[in-house]
Amino acid sequence: MAKEKTKITALVVIVVLLILFSLWAFPMYNVWRKELRGKADLKEAEWSRQIAIEEAKARKESAILDAEAEVERAKGVAEANQIIGNSLKDNEAYLRYLWIHGLHDGSSEVIYVPTEANLPVLEATRQVQ
């Protein structure tokens, strides 16, 4: 019977020690777990920040290259316009040929020129009759 009391007492002591240990260990575990979670969140935020920075750098580089391409395109258009303008300067016969050719191909448009009464010239004669 004494041995049983000793076993029961030892068991009660062990249970009490386990309860006391759990009362101390669980809060410490929660603190440790939250600390690890905080470190993980911080690392994730740092990675997200670095990704955002790299994406911004890529957009900036793309915009710079797009601007350079646009400048080169504009230079090409300006050069082409200058060549065309110089070839048409003092070349009235060719311009007249283009105008006459445009009249014959059927793609020309009818242009109404307003008169003093704001009526087209072709329509003014119809209104008078």
Protein backbone atom coordinates (compact mmCIF):
# COMPACT_ATOMS: atom_id res chain seq x y z
CA MET A 1 0.00 0.00 0.00
CA ALA A 2 2.90 2.35 0.71
CA LYS A 3 4.27 1.57 -2.68
CA GLU A 4 0.95 2.44 -4.26
CA LYS A 5 0.84 5.75 -2.35
CA THR A 6 4.37 6.48 -3.50
CA LYS A 7 3.43 5.69 -7.09
CA ILE A 8 0.31 7.83 -6.87
CA THR A 9 2.28 10.66 -5.27
CA ALA A 10 4.95 10.39 -7.93
CA LEU A 11 2.27 10.37 -10.60
CA VAL A 12 0.58 13.44 -9.09
CA VAL A 13 3.96 15.22 -8.87
CA ILE A 14 4.69 14.36 -12.49
CA VAL A 15 1.25 15.61 -13.57
CA VAL A 16 1.70 18.83 -11.57
CA LEU A 17 5.18 19.30 -13.06
CA LEU A 18 3.77 18.71 -16.55
CA ILE A 19 1.02 21.26 -15.93
CA LEU A 20 3.54 23.80 -14.59
CA PHE A 21 5.88 23.11 -17.50
CA SER A 22 3.04 23.53 -20.00
CA LEU A 23 1.99 26.79 -18.32
CA TRP A 24 5.54 28.05 -18.85
CA ALA A 25 6.28 26.38 -22.21
CA PHE A 26 3.12 27.26 -24.20
CA PRO A 27 3.50 31.04 -23.86
CA MET A 28 7.19 30.72 -24.72
CA TYR A 29 6.28 28.57 -27.72
CA ASN A 30 3.71 31.15 -28.88
CA VAL A 31 6.29 33.93 -28.59
CA TRP A 32 8.84 31.85 -30.52
CA ARG A 33 6.25 30.95 -33.19
CA LYS A 34 5.18 34.60 -33.59
CA GLU A 35 8.82 35.66 -33.83
CA LEU A 36 9.43 33.14 -36.62
CA ARG A 37 6.26 34.24 -38.37
CA GLY A 38 7.35 37.87 -38.09
CA LYS A 39 10.75 37.05 -39.58
CA ALA A 40 9.07 35.16 -42.43
CA ASP A 41 6.71 38.11 -43.08
CA LEU A 42 9.67 40.50 -43.05
CA LYS A 43 11.58 38.38 -45.57
CA GLU A 44 8.48 38.17 -47.76
CA ALA A 45 8.07 41.95 -47.61
CA GLU A 46 11.73 42.44 -48.54
CA TRP A 47 11.37 40.10 -51.52
CA SER A 48 8.19 41.86 -52.62
CA ARG A 49 9.97 45.20 -52.37
CA GLN A 50 12.92 43.95 -54.42
CA ILE A 51 10.55 42.55 -57.05
CA ALA A 52 8.69 45.87 -57.24
CA ILE A 53 12.01 47.73 -57.62
CA GLU A 54 13.17 45.43 -60.41
CA GLU A 55 9.84 45.76 -62.21
CA ALA A 56 10.06 49.56 -61.95
CA LYS A 57 13.61 49.47 -63.34
CA ALA A 58 12.42 47.30 -66.23
CA ARG A 59 9.55 49.71 -66.97
CA LYS A 60 11.95 52.66 -66.88
CA GLU A 61 14.40 50.95 -69.23
CA SER A 62 11.56 50.01 -71.56
CA ALA A 63 10.27 53.59 -71.59
CA ILE A 64 13.76 54.91 -72.36
CA LEU A 65 14.18 52.45 -75.22
CA ASP A 66 10.69 53.26 -76.53
CA ALA A 67 11.52 56.97 -76.46
CA GLU A 68 14.79 56.38 -78.31
CA ALA A 69 12.96 54.32 -80.94
CA GLU A 70 10.37 57.08 -81.33
CA VAL A 71 13.12 59.68 -81.78
CA GLU A 72 14.78 57.55 -84.46
CA ARG A 73 11.44 57.05 -86.21
CA ALA A 74 10.80 60.81 -86.13
CA LYS A 75 14.27 61.46 -87.58
CA GLY A 76 13.48 59.04 -90.41
CA VAL A 77 10.13 60.71 -91.10
CA ALA A 78 11.74 64.16 -91.03
CA GLU A 79 14.45 63.04 -93.44
CA ALA A 80 11.86 61.46 -95.77
CA ASN A 81 9.76 64.64 -95.67
CA GLN A 82 12.81 66.72 -96.49
CA ILE A 83 13.71 64.50 -99.44
CA ILE A 84 10.13 64.59 -100.76
CA GLY A 85 9.90 68.35 -100.21
CA ASN A 86 13.17 68.98 -102.01
CA SER A 87 12.15 66.77 -104.92
CA LEU A 88 8.82 68.62 -105.29
CA LYS A 89 10.31 72.09 -104.93
CA ASP A 90 10.41 73.90 -108.26
CA ASN A 91 8.81 70.88 -109.91
CA GLU A 92 5.43 72.33 -110.81
CA ALA A 93 5.03 70.13 -113.88
CA TYR A 94 5.22 66.93 -111.79
CA LEU A 95 2.76 68.31 -109.24
CA ARG A 96 0.34 69.21 -112.04
CA TYR A 97 0.76 65.68 -113.46
CA LEU A 98 -0.08 64.16 -110.08
CA TRP A 99 -3.15 66.38 -109.79
CA ILE A 100 -4.41 65.49 -113.27
CA HIS A 101 -3.68 61.81 -112.69
CA GLY A 102 -5.68 62.02 -109.46
CA LEU A 103 -8.64 63.43 -111.35
CA HIS A 104 -8.65 60.53 -113.81
CA ASP A 105 -8.30 57.61 -111.42
CA GLY A 106 -11.70 58.22 -109.82
CA SER A 107 -10.37 58.49 -106.30
CA SER A 108 -10.64 62.26 -106.12
CA GLU A 109 -13.22 63.85 -103.89
CA VAL A 110 -15.62 66.63 -104.75
CA ILE A 111 -14.75 69.70 -102.75
CA TYR A 112 -17.44 72.31 -102.14
CA VAL A 113 -16.22 75.86 -101.76
CA PRO A 114 -18.64 78.06 -99.80
CA THR A 115 -19.71 81.38 -101.24
CA GLU A 116 -20.75 84.56 -99.48
CA ALA A 117 -24.16 83.04 -98.67
CA ASN A 118 -22.45 79.98 -97.15
CA LEU A 119 -23.83 77.82 -99.94
CA PRO A 120 -21.55 75.61 -102.01
CA VAL A 121 -20.89 76.91 -105.49
CA LEU A 122 -22.51 73.90 -107.11
CA GLU A 123 -25.53 74.15 -104.85
CA ALA A 124 -25.95 77.94 -105.27
CA THR A 125 -27.09 77.55 -108.84
CA ARG A 126 -29.75 75.05 -107.81
CA GLN A 127 -31.17 77.40 -105.18
CA VAL A 128 -31.54 80.28 -107.64
CA GLN A 129 -33.69 78.40 -110.14
